[in-house]
Amino acid sequence: RLGADLAGQAARALPAARDSAEALVRHLSDVVTQLRIAMFCTGSADLAALRRAPLLSPPGGFWSQSAGMEKPDPSA
C-alpha cells in the first residue's frame, strides 16, 4: 500500500522536481501543510487515523452542486 501512495505522490511531485530542487521542497512542504490541516480538521492524531476519518462532503460532492446539478435524493 505504501508503494501505491508514493507512486501517487510522485506524479504530482515530478513537475516540481523537474523545475528545481527548491520547487520540489515547496511542493512537499505544501503537501505536509495540507495533511496537517486535514488531520486537525478531522481530529486525527496520525496518518493512520486520518485514513480512517469519515469524509466530510455531502453525497454527490460539492462539485455537483456548484455545477448547478440537483442534490441526489438519498432515499431514492
N, C-alpha and C. Protein backbone atom coordinates (compact mmCIF):
# COMPACT_ATOMS: atom_id res chain seq x y z
N ARG A 1 0.82 -1.20 0.00
CA ARG A 1 0.00 0.00 0.00
C ARG A 1 0.86 1.26 0.00
N LEU A 2 1.96 1.23 0.72
CA LEU A 2 2.84 2.39 0.75
C LEU A 2 3.37 2.71 -0.64
N GLY A 3 3.68 1.67 -1.40
CA GLY A 3 4.16 1.88 -2.76
C GLY A 3 3.17 2.62 -3.62
N ALA A 4 1.89 2.26 -3.51
CA ALA A 4 0.85 2.93 -4.29
C ALA A 4 0.71 4.39 -3.86
N ASP A 5 0.78 4.63 -2.57
CA ASP A 5 0.69 6.01 -2.08
C ASP A 5 1.86 6.84 -2.59
N LEU A 6 3.05 6.27 -2.55
CA LEU A 6 4.23 7.01 -3.02
C LEU A 6 4.17 7.25 -4.51
N ALA A 7 3.69 6.27 -5.26
CA ALA A 7 3.57 6.45 -6.71
C ALA A 7 2.57 7.56 -7.03
N GLY A 8 1.49 7.62 -6.28
CA GLY A 8 0.50 8.68 -6.49
C GLY A 8 1.08 10.05 -6.21
N GLN A 9 1.90 10.16 -5.21
CA GLN A 9 2.54 11.44 -4.89
C GLN A 9 3.60 11.80 -5.93
N ALA A 10 4.28 10.81 -6.45
CA ALA A 10 5.34 11.08 -7.43
C ALA A 10 4.80 11.78 -8.66
N ALA A 11 3.61 11.38 -9.10
CA ALA A 11 3.03 12.01 -10.28
C ALA A 11 2.81 13.50 -10.07
N ARG A 12 2.52 13.89 -8.84
CA ARG A 12 2.32 15.31 -8.55
C ARG A 12 3.63 16.04 -8.28
N ALA A 13 4.62 15.31 -7.78
CA ALA A 13 5.89 15.94 -7.41
C ALA A 13 6.86 16.07 -8.58
N LEU A 14 6.73 15.22 -9.58
CA LEU A 14 7.69 15.25 -10.69
C LEU A 14 7.78 16.59 -11.41
N PRO A 15 6.66 17.25 -11.72
CA PRO A 15 6.80 18.55 -12.39
C PRO A 15 7.61 19.55 -11.56
N ALA A 16 7.40 19.55 -10.25
CA ALA A 16 8.16 20.46 -9.39
C ALA A 16 9.63 20.06 -9.38
N ALA A 17 9.90 18.75 -9.33
CA ALA A 17 11.28 18.28 -9.31
C ALA A 17 12.00 18.62 -10.61
N ARG A 18 11.28 18.57 -11.71
CA ARG A 18 11.89 18.93 -12.99
C ARG A 18 12.25 20.41 -13.03
N ASP A 19 11.45 21.22 -12.33
CA ASP A 19 11.68 22.66 -12.31
C ASP A 19 12.95 22.99 -11.51
N SER A 20 12.97 22.57 -10.24
CA SER A 20 14.15 22.82 -9.39
C SER A 20 13.98 22.10 -8.06
N ALA A 21 15.08 21.97 -7.35
CA ALA A 21 15.03 21.36 -6.01
C ALA A 21 14.18 22.21 -5.08
N GLU A 22 14.29 23.52 -5.23
CA GLU A 22 13.50 24.43 -4.38
C GLU A 22 12.01 24.26 -4.63
N ALA A 23 11.63 24.09 -5.89
CA ALA A 23 10.21 23.88 -6.23
C ALA A 23 9.71 22.58 -5.63
N LEU A 24 10.53 21.55 -5.64
CA LEU A 24 10.14 20.27 -5.04
C LEU A 24 9.97 20.42 -3.54
N VAL A 25 10.88 21.13 -2.89
CA VAL A 25 10.76 21.35 -1.45
C VAL A 25 9.48 22.12 -1.14
N ARG A 26 9.16 23.15 -1.95
CA ARG A 26 7.92 23.91 -1.75
C ARG A 26 6.71 23.00 -1.91
N HIS A 27 6.72 22.15 -2.94
CA HIS A 27 5.60 21.24 -3.18
C HIS A 27 5.41 20.30 -1.99
N LEU A 28 6.49 19.68 -1.53
CA LEU A 28 6.39 18.74 -0.41
C LEU A 28 5.97 19.46 0.87
N SER A 29 6.44 20.68 1.05
CA SER A 29 6.02 21.47 2.21
C SER A 29 4.52 21.75 2.15
N ASP A 30 4.01 22.05 0.96
CA ASP A 30 2.57 22.27 0.79
C ASP A 30 1.78 21.00 1.11
N VAL A 31 2.28 19.85 0.68
CA VAL A 31 1.61 18.57 0.96
C VAL A 31 1.54 18.35 2.47
N VAL A 32 2.66 18.58 3.16
CA VAL A 32 2.69 18.40 4.62
C VAL A 32 1.70 19.35 5.28
N THR A 33 1.66 20.60 4.84
CA THR A 33 0.72 21.58 5.40
C THR A 33 -0.72 21.13 5.19
N GLN A 34 -1.05 20.66 3.99
CA GLN A 34 -2.40 20.19 3.71
C GLN A 34 -2.77 18.98 4.57
N LEU A 35 -1.83 18.07 4.76
CA LEU A 35 -2.10 16.92 5.62
C LEU A 35 -2.32 17.35 7.06
N ARG A 36 -1.52 18.30 7.54
CA ARG A 36 -1.70 18.79 8.91
C ARG A 36 -3.06 19.45 9.10
N ILE A 37 -3.49 20.21 8.11
CA ILE A 37 -4.81 20.86 8.19
C ILE A 37 -5.90 19.79 8.20
N ALA A 38 -5.80 18.81 7.32
CA ALA A 38 -6.80 17.73 7.27
C ALA A 38 -6.82 16.96 8.59
N MET A 39 -5.64 16.70 9.16
CA MET A 39 -5.58 15.98 10.44
C MET A 39 -6.21 16.81 11.55
N PHE A 40 -5.95 18.10 11.56
CA PHE A 40 -6.55 18.97 12.58
C PHE A 40 -8.07 18.98 12.45
N CYS A 41 -8.55 19.15 11.22
CA CYS A 41 -10.00 19.25 10.99
C CYS A 41 -10.75 17.97 11.31
N THR A 42 -10.08 16.83 11.21
CA THR A 42 -10.73 15.55 11.48
C THR A 42 -10.39 15.00 12.86
N GLY A 43 -9.53 15.70 13.60
CA GLY A 43 -9.13 15.21 14.91
C GLY A 43 -8.23 13.99 14.85
N SER A 44 -7.52 13.83 13.75
CA SER A 44 -6.65 12.66 13.56
C SER A 44 -5.28 12.91 14.18
N ALA A 45 -4.82 11.97 14.99
CA ALA A 45 -3.53 12.10 15.65
C ALA A 45 -2.37 11.73 14.73
N ASP A 46 -2.64 10.90 13.73
CA ASP A 46 -1.59 10.47 12.82
C ASP A 46 -2.20 10.12 11.46
N LEU A 47 -1.35 9.75 10.50
CA LEU A 47 -1.85 9.46 9.16
C LEU A 47 -2.76 8.25 9.12
N ALA A 48 -2.51 7.27 9.99
CA ALA A 48 -3.39 6.09 10.04
C ALA A 48 -4.80 6.51 10.47
N ALA A 49 -4.89 7.40 11.45
CA ALA A 49 -6.20 7.88 11.90
C ALA A 49 -6.86 8.72 10.81
N LEU A 50 -6.07 9.51 10.09
CA LEU A 50 -6.63 10.31 9.00
C LEU A 50 -7.22 9.42 7.92
N ARG A 51 -6.57 8.30 7.65
CA ARG A 51 -7.07 7.35 6.66
C ARG A 51 -8.44 6.80 7.05
N ARG A 52 -8.67 6.65 8.35
CA ARG A 52 -9.94 6.10 8.85
C ARG A 52 -11.01 7.17 9.06
N ALA A 53 -10.63 8.44 8.98
CA ALA A 53 -11.57 9.53 9.25
C ALA A 53 -12.67 9.54 8.19
N PRO A 54 -13.92 9.82 8.62
CA PRO A 54 -15.01 9.88 7.64
C PRO A 54 -14.87 11.10 6.73
N LEU A 55 -15.35 10.96 5.52
CA LEU A 55 -15.35 12.09 4.59
C LEU A 55 -16.38 13.11 5.05
N LEU A 56 -16.08 14.37 4.87
CA LEU A 56 -16.95 15.43 5.35
C LEU A 56 -17.74 16.09 4.24
N SER A 57 -17.84 15.45 3.10
CA SER A 57 -18.59 16.04 1.99
C SER A 57 -19.95 15.38 1.88
N PRO A 58 -20.94 16.11 1.36
CA PRO A 58 -22.28 15.54 1.22
C PRO A 58 -22.31 14.51 0.09
N PRO A 59 -23.35 13.66 0.07
CA PRO A 59 -23.46 12.71 -1.04
C PRO A 59 -23.46 13.45 -2.38
N GLY A 60 -22.69 12.97 -3.31
CA GLY A 60 -22.61 13.64 -4.61
C GLY A 60 -21.53 14.69 -4.68
N GLY A 61 -21.02 15.11 -3.54
CA GLY A 61 -19.92 16.08 -3.51
C GLY A 61 -20.37 17.50 -3.78
N PHE A 62 -19.50 18.43 -3.41
CA PHE A 62 -19.80 19.85 -3.60
C PHE A 62 -19.74 20.26 -5.07
N TRP A 63 -18.90 19.59 -5.85
CA TRP A 63 -18.71 20.00 -7.24
C TRP A 63 -20.01 19.92 -8.01
N SER A 64 -20.85 18.92 -7.73
CA SER A 64 -22.09 18.77 -8.49
C SER A 64 -23.05 19.91 -8.19
N GLN A 65 -23.08 20.36 -6.94
CA GLN A 65 -23.96 21.46 -6.58
C GLN A 65 -23.46 22.77 -7.18
N SER A 66 -22.14 22.97 -7.19
CA SER A 66 -21.61 24.20 -7.75
C SER A 66 -21.75 24.22 -9.27
N ALA A 67 -21.91 23.05 -9.88
CA ALA A 67 -22.10 22.97 -11.33
C ALA A 67 -23.56 23.12 -11.71
N GLY A 68 -24.43 23.39 -10.72
CA GLY A 68 -25.84 23.59 -11.00
C GLY A 68 -26.64 22.30 -11.06
N MET A 69 -26.06 21.21 -10.62
CA MET A 69 -26.77 19.94 -10.63
C MET A 69 -27.58 19.80 -9.35
N GLU A 70 -28.68 19.07 -9.44
CA GLU A 70 -29.50 18.86 -8.25
C GLU A 70 -28.81 17.90 -7.29
N LYS A 71 -29.04 18.13 -6.00
CA LYS A 71 -28.51 17.25 -4.98
C LYS A 71 -29.24 15.91 -5.06
N PRO A 72 -28.50 14.79 -5.01
CA PRO A 72 -29.16 13.49 -5.11
C PRO A 72 -30.06 13.23 -3.90
N ASP A 73 -31.16 12.52 -4.15
CA ASP A 73 -32.09 12.15 -3.09
C ASP A 73 -31.62 10.84 -2.48
N PRO A 74 -31.13 10.85 -1.20
CA PRO A 74 -30.60 9.63 -0.61
C PRO A 74 -31.66 8.55 -0.41
N SER A 75 -32.93 8.92 -0.38
CA SER A 75 -33.99 7.92 -0.17
C SER A 75 -34.39 7.23 -1.46
N ALA A 76 -33.91 7.72 -2.60
CA ALA A 76 -34.31 7.13 -3.89
C ALA A 76 -33.56 5.87 -4.19
